Amino acid sequence: MPNKINEKEIPVLAIGTWAWGTGINGSRMIFGTTTDKSTLKEVFRIAFDSGFILWDTAAVYGMGNAERILGECAKDKQIILSDKYTPGKKFNGKAIDKSLSGSTQKFSGVIPDVYWLHTPVNLDENVKYMCLLLKQKKIGSIGVSNCHMKQIKRAEKILNQCGQSLAGVQNHYSLLYRGSEKTDIIEWCRDQSIPFFSYMTLEQGALTGRFNSKNGFPILSRRSFAFPKSKLKRIEVLHTEMKTIGEKYNLSISDTAIAWAISKGTVPIIGITKPYQAQALAKLNNVTLSESDVAQLELIAEKTGVEVSGSWEKGI
């Protein structure tokens, strides 16, 4: 049975907008690049027309700018809206209300189909408050992100007490970071029929083959610190294997990384900012890698000795 959110069938992948915003936590700061609104509107049109109707964003992406641009693109379109609240150090219900209200306004009154607790800070209080928002029909469902197993189960227990269940779990997951698999989170989600959304599947470009020891990431960006040229050199052998395996399925290196995540039973969230990236996604609708190819990719990935986790990830 296909995974669903609010009775809406989830596509094989979601589109991420982390790189759509400007300013703090925006595209230049995180990715070392800039985005153009007119280009992003074309990106949205191509992806939407290809059937990719699940769009993931957050109030913190570009401090609201990513939501604003996506809201303009998606106006009068039937999408599955995935949005996030990033909690402060202290629980504050009014802060959730304010953040949600601002997000909803950017989407012309459309509520998030799934509203994520972006980090597990004050998890109990935040999830309980979000349950109230759900009962008030201000959000469609609740998910948790960047959580380890104990936190996920705790969130599910709170929701069950409210007569609800988790709509999804969203964690970092790629060939170079399989924490949620090794700690049995993905298996648990599968057993509970809860969709697992994998973000940073392409490691912000490190698993596209475009960047290597000779062509590194833009300096002073988050990804240049996470993947200096010395580390990119170590994963070039993985690029070679991804290229070889991908050719059997008519896939590029980046397509192969995404197909791997799909083959593992997850819903990858793929950030795109250019029309050609949107056009390339269509072929992934009907691709599943063989078990032997999945195993080979994982073997080579492990041999690189490269595993990159975010500063926000603990015990995942």
Protein backbone atom coordinates (compact mmCIF):
# COMPACT_ATOMS: atom_id res chain seq x y z
CA MET A 1 0.00 0.00 0.00
CA PRO A 2 1.43 3.40 -0.96
CA ASN A 3 2.43 5.77 1.82
CA LYS A 4 -0.07 8.55 2.33
CA ILE A 5 -0.36 11.83 4.20
CA ASN A 6 -3.87 13.13 4.80
CA GLU A 7 -5.17 10.56 2.30
CA LYS A 8 -2.83 12.00 -0.35
CA GLU A 9 -0.48 9.54 -1.97
CA ILE A 10 3.19 10.39 -1.47
CA PRO A 11 5.35 10.45 -4.64
CA VAL A 12 8.60 8.46 -4.73
CA LEU A 13 10.43 11.58 -3.61
CA ALA A 14 9.80 15.01 -2.16
CA ILE A 15 11.26 18.31 -3.31
CA GLY A 16 13.27 20.28 -0.76
CA THR A 17 13.60 24.06 -0.61
CA TRP A 18 16.49 24.52 1.84
CA ALA A 19 18.47 26.32 -0.88
CA TRP A 20 15.57 28.54 -1.96
CA GLY A 21 15.87 31.22 0.67
CA THR A 22 18.22 34.18 1.06
CA GLY A 23 19.91 35.72 4.07
CA ILE A 24 20.55 33.82 7.31
CA ASN A 25 20.25 30.05 6.73
CA GLY A 26 19.81 30.87 3.05
CA SER A 27 21.37 29.56 -0.13
CA ARG A 28 24.61 31.54 -0.01
CA MET A 29 25.34 30.82 3.64
CA ILE A 30 24.60 27.08 3.45
CA PHE A 31 25.40 26.23 -0.17
CA GLY A 32 27.62 29.10 -1.33
CA THR A 33 25.26 29.87 -4.21
CA THR A 34 22.41 32.23 -5.01
CA THR A 35 18.96 31.50 -6.39
CA ASP A 36 16.78 33.47 -8.77
CA LYS A 37 13.02 33.59 -8.14
CA SER A 38 12.05 33.37 -11.82
CA THR A 39 14.26 30.30 -12.23
CA LEU A 40 12.76 28.70 -9.13
CA LYS A 41 9.26 29.24 -10.51
CA GLU A 42 10.31 27.36 -13.64
CA VAL A 43 11.82 24.62 -11.46
CA PHE A 44 8.51 24.31 -9.60
CA ARG A 45 6.51 24.13 -12.83
CA ILE A 46 8.64 21.36 -14.33
CA ALA A 47 8.69 19.27 -11.16
CA PHE A 48 4.98 19.75 -10.45
CA ASP A 49 4.05 18.83 -14.03
CA SER A 50 6.14 15.66 -13.61
CA GLY A 51 3.98 14.60 -10.67
CA PHE A 52 6.18 15.72 -7.79
CA ILE A 53 3.56 17.29 -5.59
CA LEU A 54 5.21 16.91 -2.16
CA TRP A 55 7.19 20.03 -1.28
CA ASP A 56 9.24 20.35 1.89
CA THR A 57 10.15 23.67 3.47
CA ALA A 58 10.66 25.31 6.88
CA ALA A 59 10.18 28.69 8.49
CA VAL A 60 13.92 28.79 9.21
CA TYR A 61 15.00 28.31 5.57
CA GLY A 62 16.19 31.77 4.61
CA MET A 63 14.21 32.96 7.64
CA GLY A 64 10.90 32.68 5.80
CA ASN A 65 12.07 33.50 2.28
CA ALA A 66 11.95 29.90 1.07
CA GLU A 67 8.35 29.60 2.28
CA ARG A 68 7.47 32.86 0.59
CA ILE A 69 8.84 31.80 -2.79
CA LEU A 70 7.27 28.35 -2.59
CA GLY A 71 3.96 29.95 -1.59
CA GLU A 72 4.03 32.09 -4.73
CA CYS A 73 4.90 29.10 -6.90
CA ALA A 74 2.25 26.83 -5.39
CA LYS A 75 -0.61 29.33 -5.34
CA ASP A 76 -3.77 27.65 -6.66
CA LYS A 77 -1.88 24.34 -7.02
CA GLN A 78 -2.79 21.15 -5.17
CA ILE A 79 0.43 20.17 -3.44
CA ILE A 80 1.28 18.17 -0.32
CA LEU A 81 2.79 20.84 1.90
CA SER A 82 5.47 19.73 4.34
CA ASP A 83 6.50 22.54 6.71
CA LYS A 84 8.53 22.76 9.92
CA TYR A 85 8.63 24.57 13.23
CA THR A 86 12.09 25.03 14.74
CA PRO A 87 11.74 25.30 18.53
CA GLY A 88 13.72 27.63 20.77
CA LYS A 89 15.56 26.58 23.91
CA LYS A 90 12.46 27.08 26.06
CA PHE A 91 9.00 25.81 25.25
CA ASN A 92 6.74 28.60 24.05
CA GLY A 93 3.30 27.80 22.67
CA LYS A 94 2.85 31.37 21.45
CA ALA A 95 6.03 31.02 19.40
CA ILE A 96 4.54 27.98 17.65
CA ASP A 97 1.34 29.90 16.97
CA LYS A 98 3.28 32.84 15.55
CA SER A 99 5.50 30.67 13.36
CA LEU A 100 2.56 28.64 12.03
CA SER A 101 0.48 31.76 11.39
CA GLY A 102 3.32 33.34 9.42
CA SER A 103 3.83 30.18 7.40
CA THR A 104 0.12 29.79 6.66
CA GLN A 105 -0.11 33.39 5.47
CA LYS A 106 2.70 32.76 2.98
CA PHE A 107 0.62 29.91 1.56
CA SER A 108 -2.55 31.98 1.22
CA GLY A 109 -4.24 30.25 4.14
CA VAL A 110 -3.38 26.69 3.10
CA ILE A 111 -2.36 24.67 6.17
CA PRO A 112 0.60 22.26 6.21
CA ASP A 113 -0.39 18.69 5.38
CA VAL A 114 2.36 17.65 7.76
CA TYR A 115 3.88 19.99 10.34
CA TRP A 116 7.24 18.85 11.63
CA LEU A 117 8.94 19.46 14.93
CA HIS A 118 12.25 20.35 13.32
CA THR A 119 14.41 19.35 16.31
CA PRO A 120 13.50 17.38 19.46
CA VAL A 121 14.04 20.33 21.85
CA ASN A 122 11.37 20.17 24.59
CA LEU A 123 9.80 17.34 22.63
CA ASP A 124 7.00 16.48 25.06
CA GLU A 125 5.68 20.02 25.42
CA ASN A 126 5.98 20.83 21.73
CA VAL A 127 4.31 17.65 20.48
CA LYS A 128 1.47 18.02 23.00
CA TYR A 129 0.90 21.60 21.87
CA MET A 130 0.98 20.57 18.22
CA CYS A 131 -1.72 18.01 19.06
CA LEU A 132 -3.94 20.94 20.05
CA LEU A 133 -3.24 22.59 16.70
CA LEU A 134 -4.17 19.35 14.99
CA LYS A 135 -7.48 19.16 16.86
CA GLN A 136 -8.15 22.78 15.90
CA LYS A 137 -7.48 21.78 12.26
CA LYS A 138 -4.69 24.32 11.93
CA ILE A 139 -2.35 21.57 10.68
CA GLY A 140 -3.05 18.32 8.87
CA SER A 141 -0.72 15.96 10.74
CA ILE A 142 2.46 15.88 12.83
CA GLY A 143 5.94 14.57 12.12
CA VAL A 144 9.28 14.66 13.92
CA SER A 145 12.72 15.38 12.50
CA ASN A 146 16.30 14.86 13.67
CA CYS A 147 15.22 12.41 16.39
CA HIS A 148 16.75 9.21 17.69
CA MET A 149 14.66 6.11 18.36
CA LYS A 150 13.75 6.88 21.96
CA GLN A 151 12.50 10.34 21.00
CA ILE A 152 10.51 9.01 18.06
CA LYS A 153 8.79 6.42 20.21
CA ARG A 154 8.08 9.07 22.84
CA ALA A 155 6.48 11.34 20.24
CA GLU A 156 4.39 8.45 18.93
CA LYS A 157 3.20 7.62 22.46
CA ILE A 158 2.11 11.22 23.07
CA LEU A 159 0.27 11.29 19.75
CA ASN A 160 -1.41 7.95 20.47
CA GLN A 161 -2.70 9.39 23.73
CA CYS A 162 -4.27 12.16 21.65
CA GLY A 163 -5.82 9.61 19.30
CA GLN A 164 -3.26 10.35 16.58
CA SER A 165 -0.12 8.84 15.09
CA LEU A 166 3.07 10.16 13.54
CA ALA A 167 2.70 11.17 9.92
CA GLY A 168 6.38 10.66 9.32
CA VAL A 169 9.96 10.70 10.54
CA GLN A 170 12.50 12.89 8.76
CA ASN A 171 16.23 12.31 9.31
CA HIS A 172 19.53 12.70 7.51
CA TYR A 173 20.20 9.53 5.50
CA SER A 174 22.59 8.86 2.64
CA LEU A 175 25.23 6.41 1.43
CA LEU A 176 27.64 8.31 3.66
CA TYR A 177 25.38 8.52 6.71
CA ARG A 178 23.14 5.57 7.56
CA GLY A 179 22.54 6.26 11.24
CA SER A 180 18.77 5.82 11.05
CA GLU A 181 19.26 2.40 9.49
CA LYS A 182 21.92 1.23 11.93
CA THR A 183 19.76 2.25 14.91
CA ASP A 184 16.72 0.46 13.43
CA ILE A 185 14.66 3.64 12.98
CA ILE A 186 13.87 2.88 9.35
CA GLU A 187 12.85 -0.69 10.18
CA TRP A 188 10.63 0.56 13.01
CA CYS A 189 8.97 3.08 10.68
CA ARG A 190 8.35 0.33 8.14
CA ASP A 191 6.80 -1.91 10.81
CA GLN A 192 4.56 0.94 11.98
CA SER A 193 3.62 1.97 8.39
CA ILE A 194 5.11 5.41 9.06
CA PRO A 195 6.89 7.04 6.11
CA PHE A 196 10.59 7.74 6.59
CA PHE A 197 11.81 10.84 4.78
CA SER A 198 15.54 10.96 4.07
CA TYR A 199 17.15 14.35 3.67
CA MET A 200 20.68 15.24 2.50
CA THR A 201 20.61 12.08 0.37
CA LEU A 202 22.99 13.82 -2.04
CA GLU A 203 25.04 15.27 0.83
CA GLN A 204 24.43 18.77 -0.53
CA GLY A 205 26.17 17.87 -3.79
CA ALA A 206 29.00 15.64 -2.57
CA LEU A 207 27.25 12.60 -4.09
CA THR A 208 26.48 14.14 -7.47
CA GLY A 209 29.91 13.64 -9.03
CA ARG A 210 30.05 17.33 -9.87
CA PHE A 211 32.41 18.14 -7.02
CA ASN A 212 35.74 16.41 -6.43
CA SER A 213 39.32 16.99 -5.28
CA LYS A 214 39.96 19.32 -8.22
CA ASN A 215 36.60 21.09 -8.16
CA GLY A 216 35.60 21.76 -4.58
CA PHE A 217 32.59 23.46 -3.03
CA PRO A 218 32.29 27.26 -2.82
CA ILE A 219 34.48 28.46 0.04
CA LEU A 220 32.95 29.68 3.29
CA SER A 221 29.76 27.66 2.69
CA ARG A 222 28.54 24.97 5.08
CA ARG A 223 29.21 22.22 2.58
CA SER A 224 32.82 23.34 1.97
CA PHE A 225 33.50 22.78 5.67
CA ALA A 226 31.67 19.43 5.70
CA PHE A 227 33.43 18.24 2.52
CA PRO A 228 36.87 19.77 2.00
CA LYS A 229 38.77 18.63 -1.09
CA SER A 230 40.64 16.02 0.95
CA LYS A 231 37.36 14.35 1.87
CA LEU A 232 36.00 14.67 -1.66
CA LYS A 233 39.14 12.86 -2.83
CA ARG A 234 38.29 9.90 -0.58
CA ILE A 235 34.81 9.47 -2.07
CA GLU A 236 35.86 9.62 -5.71
CA VAL A 237 36.00 5.81 -5.71
CA LEU A 238 32.33 5.84 -4.69
CA HIS A 239 31.54 8.23 -7.54
CA THR A 240 33.14 5.75 -9.93
CA GLU A 241 31.04 2.86 -8.59
CA MET A 242 27.86 4.97 -8.69
CA LYS A 243 28.59 5.85 -12.31
CA THR A 244 29.15 2.20 -13.24
CA ILE A 245 26.00 0.95 -11.55
CA GLY A 246 23.95 3.93 -12.70
CA GLU A 247 24.76 3.25 -16.35
CA LYS A 248 22.88 -0.07 -16.11
CA TYR A 249 19.71 1.89 -15.28
CA ASN A 250 20.43 4.95 -17.47
CA LEU A 251 21.03 7.01 -14.34
CA SER A 252 23.54 9.73 -13.55
CA ILE A 253 25.66 9.61 -10.39
CA SER A 254 23.20 11.80 -8.47
CA ASP A 255 20.24 9.80 -9.83
CA THR A 256 21.89 6.65 -8.51
CA ALA A 257 22.22 8.10 -5.01
CA ILE A 258 18.53 8.99 -5.04
CA ALA A 259 17.52 5.61 -6.49
CA TRP A 260 19.49 3.92 -3.70
CA ALA A 261 17.46 5.83 -1.06
CA ILE A 262 14.21 4.93 -2.81
CA SER A 263 15.26 1.28 -3.05
CA LYS A 264 15.83 1.31 0.72
CA GLY A 265 12.17 2.12 1.25
CA THR A 266 12.62 5.80 2.13
CA VAL A 267 11.20 8.97 0.59
CA PRO A 268 14.23 11.12 -0.25
CA ILE A 269 13.86 14.90 -0.07
CA ILE A 270 15.81 16.30 -3.00
CA GLY A 271 16.75 19.97 -3.18
CA ILE A 272 16.64 21.41 -6.67
CA THR A 273 17.27 24.97 -7.89
CA LYS A 274 17.73 24.55 -11.64
CA PRO A 275 15.36 23.41 -14.41
CA TYR A 276 17.64 20.61 -15.61
CA GLN A 277 17.60 19.14 -12.10
CA ALA A 278 13.80 19.11 -12.12
CA GLN A 279 13.72 17.47 -15.56
CA ALA A 280 16.10 14.71 -14.43
CA LEU A 281 13.82 13.56 -11.61
CA ALA A 282 11.10 12.11 -13.86
CA LYS A 283 13.10 8.94 -14.64
CA LEU A 284 13.20 8.07 -10.92
CA ASN A 285 9.47 7.35 -10.83
CA ASN A 286 10.00 3.76 -11.95
CA VAL A 287 13.52 2.77 -10.91
CA THR A 288 14.49 0.24 -8.24
CA LEU A 289 18.08 -0.89 -7.84
CA SER A 290 18.77 -4.61 -7.43
CA GLU A 291 19.71 -5.88 -3.98
CA SER A 292 23.20 -6.71 -5.23
CA ASP A 293 23.72 -3.19 -6.58
CA VAL A 294 22.46 -1.66 -3.32
CA ALA A 295 24.86 -3.87 -1.36
CA GLN A 296 27.78 -2.99 -3.64
CA LEU A 297 27.18 0.75 -3.26
CA GLU A 298 27.05 0.41 0.51
CA LEU A 299 30.23 -1.67 0.57
CA ILE A 300 32.21 0.92 -1.39
CA ALA A 301 30.71 3.77 0.66
CA GLU A 302 31.86 2.10 3.87
CA LYS A 303 35.34 1.51 2.46
CA THR A 304 35.79 5.26 1.92
CA GLY A 305 35.71 5.69 5.70
CA VAL A 306 33.74 8.90 5.23
CA GLU A 307 30.73 9.48 7.45
CA VAL A 308 29.44 13.00 7.90
CA SER A 309 26.87 13.98 10.51
CA GLY A 310 25.49 17.42 11.25
CA SER A 311 26.26 19.30 14.46
CA TRP A 312 22.55 18.98 15.31
CA GLU A 313 22.56 15.18 15.16
CA LYS A 314 23.06 13.24 18.38
CA GLY A 315 22.51 9.52 18.71
CA ILE A 316 20.96 9.14 15.26
